[in-house]
Amino acid sequence: MTVKHSNDVEAKNVAAGKDTTIQVLISSQEGPNFALRKFSMQKGGGMPRHTNMVEHEQYVLRGEADITVGDESHHVKTGDVVFIPEGMIHSYQNTGEEPFEFLCIVPNKEDKIVIVDEGC
């Protein structure tokens, strides 16, 4: 069993993101089946269109953003829940005046992130 405070977990910049950090709250070494991550996007921040090899279950903690999943765009806010199937193109854009923060649970499987060419 692991107990810690999220403030004690290092926030790292998301390489492909703009003004976006990730904290791995429960790593694949700690949880046998799932990892728990917290993403924080500053005002105007976001992540480009990309795919992953694993599904995402997300819960919005704070703020608001436009999330595109496949061909559909959704405006999400505090308390909303998002499911992104594996392989689905998705992106994020913080549209609010405060940071956009969400928890993201992913299975502990091999993952590959592919940035999708905006020109396609």
C-alpha atoms as a PDB file:
ATOM      1  CA  MET A   1       0.000   0.000   0.000  1.00  0.00           C
ATOM      2  CA  THR A   2       1.178   3.511  -0.832  1.00  0.00           C
ATOM      3  CA  VAL A   3      -0.037   6.743   0.765  1.00  0.00           C
ATOM      4  CA  LYS A   4       1.360  10.130  -0.242  1.00  0.00           C
ATOM      5  CA  HIS A   5       0.221  13.679  -0.860  1.00  0.00           C
ATOM      6  CA  SER A   6      -0.021  14.876  -4.466  1.00  0.00           C
ATOM      7  CA  ASN A   7       2.029  17.966  -3.565  1.00  0.00           C
ATOM      8  CA  ASP A   8       4.957  15.615  -2.856  1.00  0.00           C
ATOM      9  CA  VAL A   9       4.917  14.189  -6.401  1.00  0.00           C
ATOM     10  CA  GLU A  10       7.142  15.959  -8.927  1.00  0.00           C
ATOM     11  CA  ALA A  11       5.335  17.686 -11.806  1.00  0.00           C
ATOM     12  CA  LYS A  12       7.106  17.238 -15.144  1.00  0.00           C
ATOM     13  CA  ASN A  13       6.516  19.141 -18.357  1.00  0.00           C
ATOM     14  CA  VAL A  14       4.598  17.266 -21.055  1.00  0.00           C
ATOM     15  CA  ALA A  15       6.989  17.295 -24.014  1.00  0.00           C
ATOM     16  CA  ALA A  16       4.369  17.788 -26.739  1.00  0.00           C
ATOM     17  CA  GLY A  17       2.104  19.952 -24.573  1.00  0.00           C
ATOM     18  CA  LYS A  18       1.937  23.701 -24.173  1.00  0.00           C
ATOM     19  CA  ASP A  19       2.099  24.926 -20.553  1.00  0.00           C
ATOM     20  CA  THR A  20       1.119  21.422 -19.404  1.00  0.00           C
ATOM     21  CA  THR A  21       2.540  19.250 -16.630  1.00  0.00           C
ATOM     22  CA  ILE A  22       2.004  15.654 -15.531  1.00  0.00           C
ATOM     23  CA  GLN A  23       2.348  14.068 -12.104  1.00  0.00           C
ATOM     24  CA  VAL A  24       2.430  10.273 -11.908  1.00  0.00           C
ATOM     25  CA  LEU A  25       0.526   9.798  -8.655  1.00  0.00           C
ATOM     26  CA  ILE A  26       0.469   5.984  -8.797  1.00  0.00           C
ATOM     27  CA  SER A  27       3.038   4.472 -11.147  1.00  0.00           C
ATOM     28  CA  SER A  28       2.986   1.113 -12.895  1.00  0.00           C
ATOM     29  CA  GLN A  29       5.485  -0.060 -10.261  1.00  0.00           C
ATOM     30  CA  GLU A  30       3.005   0.777  -7.474  1.00  0.00           C
ATOM     31  CA  GLY A  31      -0.289  -0.371  -9.004  1.00  0.00           C
ATOM     32  CA  PRO A  32      -0.370  -3.773 -10.702  1.00  0.00           C
ATOM     33  CA  ASN A  33      -3.115  -2.929 -13.218  1.00  0.00           C
ATOM     34  CA  PHE A  34      -3.454   0.845 -13.600  1.00  0.00           C
ATOM     35  CA  ALA A  35      -1.450   4.062 -13.342  1.00  0.00           C
ATOM     36  CA  LEU A  36      -2.976   7.295 -12.011  1.00  0.00           C
ATOM     37  CA  ARG A  37      -1.758  10.588 -13.419  1.00  0.00           C
ATOM     38  CA  LYS A  38      -2.724  14.208 -12.819  1.00  0.00           C
ATOM     39  CA  PHE A  39      -2.444  16.696 -15.668  1.00  0.00           C
ATOM     40  CA  SER A  40      -2.411  20.482 -15.193  1.00  0.00           C
ATOM     41  CA  MET A  41      -2.747  22.924 -18.089  1.00  0.00           C
ATOM     42  CA  GLN A  42      -2.216  26.596 -17.474  1.00  0.00           C
ATOM     43  CA  LYS A  43      -4.495  29.208 -19.059  1.00  0.00           C
ATOM     44  CA  GLY A  44      -4.056  28.890 -22.840  1.00  0.00           C
ATOM     45  CA  GLY A  45      -2.248  25.562 -22.477  1.00  0.00           C
ATOM     46  CA  GLY A  46      -3.098  22.275 -24.100  1.00  0.00           C
ATOM     47  CA  MET A  47      -1.982  19.151 -25.908  1.00  0.00           C
ATOM     48  CA  PRO A  48      -2.026  18.612 -29.691  1.00  0.00           C
ATOM     49  CA  ARG A  49      -3.970  15.935 -31.564  1.00  0.00           C
ATOM     50  CA  HIS A  50      -2.436  12.579 -30.716  1.00  0.00           C
ATOM     51  CA  THR A  51      -3.167   8.908 -30.207  1.00  0.00           C
ATOM     52  CA  ASN A  52      -2.238   6.395 -27.528  1.00  0.00           C
ATOM     53  CA  MET A  53      -2.236   2.607 -27.554  1.00  0.00           C
ATOM     54  CA  VAL A  54      -4.147   2.524 -24.246  1.00  0.00           C
ATOM     55  CA  GLU A  55      -7.566   3.779 -23.176  1.00  0.00           C
ATOM     56  CA  HIS A  56      -7.940   6.776 -20.844  1.00  0.00           C
ATOM     57  CA  GLU A  57     -10.457   7.286 -18.054  1.00  0.00           C
ATOM     58  CA  GLN A  58     -10.463  10.920 -16.918  1.00  0.00           C
ATOM     59  CA  TYR A  59     -12.087  13.032 -14.208  1.00  0.00           C
ATOM     60  CA  VAL A  60     -11.959  16.831 -14.380  1.00  0.00           C
ATOM     61  CA  LEU A  61     -10.838  18.304 -11.049  1.00  0.00           C
ATOM     62  CA  ARG A  62     -10.751  21.989 -11.923  1.00  0.00           C
ATOM     63  CA  GLY A  63     -11.267  24.453 -14.755  1.00  0.00           C
ATOM     64  CA  GLU A  64     -12.653  23.989 -18.231  1.00  0.00           C
ATOM     65  CA  ALA A  65     -11.357  22.959 -21.622  1.00  0.00           C
ATOM     66  CA  ASP A  66     -12.309  21.926 -25.117  1.00  0.00           C
ATOM     67  CA  ILE A  67     -11.462  18.279 -25.706  1.00  0.00           C
ATOM     68  CA  THR A  68     -11.657  16.713 -29.137  1.00  0.00           C
ATOM     69  CA  VAL A  69     -12.137  12.945 -29.244  1.00  0.00           C
ATOM     70  CA  GLY A  70     -12.228  11.588 -32.769  1.00  0.00           C
ATOM     71  CA  ASP A  71     -14.445  13.942 -34.796  1.00  0.00           C
ATOM     72  CA  GLU A  72     -16.370  15.247 -31.775  1.00  0.00           C
ATOM     73  CA  SER A  73     -15.527  18.290 -29.681  1.00  0.00           C
ATOM     74  CA  HIS A  74     -16.717  18.607 -26.086  1.00  0.00           C
ATOM     75  CA  HIS A  75     -16.547  21.488 -23.631  1.00  0.00           C
ATOM     76  CA  VAL A  76     -15.744  19.934 -20.250  1.00  0.00           C
ATOM     77  CA  LYS A  77     -15.644  21.425 -16.767  1.00  0.00           C
ATOM     78  CA  THR A  78     -15.152  20.477 -13.129  1.00  0.00           C
ATOM     79  CA  GLY A  79     -16.881  17.192 -12.314  1.00  0.00           C
ATOM     80  CA  ASP A  80     -17.097  15.898 -15.898  1.00  0.00           C
ATOM     81  CA  VAL A  81     -15.912  12.404 -16.792  1.00  0.00           C
ATOM     82  CA  VAL A  82     -14.252  11.526 -20.118  1.00  0.00           C
ATOM     83  CA  PHE A  83     -13.534   8.126 -21.687  1.00  0.00           C
ATOM     84  CA  ILE A  84     -11.071   7.970 -24.594  1.00  0.00           C
ATOM     85  CA  PRO A  85     -10.788   4.573 -26.335  1.00  0.00           C
ATOM     86  CA  GLU A  86      -7.369   3.243 -27.280  1.00  0.00           C
ATOM     87  CA  GLY A  87      -6.106   4.514 -30.630  1.00  0.00           C
ATOM     88  CA  MET A  88      -8.594   7.425 -30.747  1.00  0.00           C
ATOM     89  CA  ILE A  89      -7.224  10.802 -31.849  1.00  0.00           C
ATOM     90  CA  HIS A  90      -7.728  13.378 -29.082  1.00  0.00           C
ATOM     91  CA  SER A  91      -6.548  16.851 -28.036  1.00  0.00           C
ATOM     92  CA  TYR A  92      -7.018  19.410 -25.255  1.00  0.00           C
ATOM     93  CA  GLN A  93      -7.204  23.192 -25.086  1.00  0.00           C
ATOM     94  CA  ASN A  94      -7.669  25.078 -21.811  1.00  0.00           C
ATOM     95  CA  THR A  95     -10.385  27.636 -22.569  1.00  0.00           C
ATOM     96  CA  GLY A  96     -10.852  28.955 -19.039  1.00  0.00           C
ATOM     97  CA  GLU A  97      -9.311  31.637 -16.894  1.00  0.00           C
ATOM     98  CA  GLU A  98      -7.775  29.174 -14.411  1.00  0.00           C
ATOM     99  CA  PRO A  99      -5.690  26.020 -14.712  1.00  0.00           C
ATOM    100  CA  PHE A 100      -7.446  22.970 -16.176  1.00  0.00           C
ATOM    101  CA  GLU A 101      -6.655  19.883 -14.093  1.00  0.00           C
ATOM    102  CA  PHE A 102      -7.770  16.294 -14.486  1.00  0.00           C
ATOM    103  CA  LEU A 103      -6.988  12.817 -13.246  1.00  0.00           C
ATOM    104  CA  CYS A 104      -6.201  10.232 -15.913  1.00  0.00           C
ATOM    105  CA  ILE A 105      -6.219   6.496 -15.268  1.00  0.00           C
ATOM    106  CA  VAL A 106      -4.564   4.219 -17.831  1.00  0.00           C
ATOM    107  CA  PRO A 107      -3.941   0.468 -17.865  1.00  0.00           C
ATOM    108  CA  ASN A 108      -0.385  -0.702 -17.296  1.00  0.00           C
ATOM    109  CA  LYS A 109       0.197  -1.800 -20.871  1.00  0.00           C
ATOM    110  CA  GLU A 110       2.719  -0.743 -23.463  1.00  0.00           C
ATOM    111  CA  ASP A 111       1.831   2.707 -24.773  1.00  0.00           C
ATOM    112  CA  LYS A 112       3.072   4.710 -27.719  1.00  0.00           C
ATOM    113  CA  ILE A 113       2.077   8.333 -28.217  1.00  0.00           C
ATOM    114  CA  VAL A 114       1.825   9.526 -31.820  1.00  0.00           C
ATOM    115  CA  ILE A 115       1.342  13.219 -32.604  1.00  0.00           C
ATOM    116  CA  VAL A 116      -1.091  13.509 -35.525  1.00  0.00           C
ATOM    117  CA  ASP A 117      -0.050  15.784 -38.379  1.00  0.00           C
ATOM    118  CA  GLU A 118      -2.426  18.747 -38.365  1.00  0.00           C
ATOM    119  CA  GLY A 119      -2.124  18.923 -42.157  1.00  0.00           C
ATOM    120  CA  CYS A 120      -3.885  15.578 -42.660  1.00  0.00           C
END
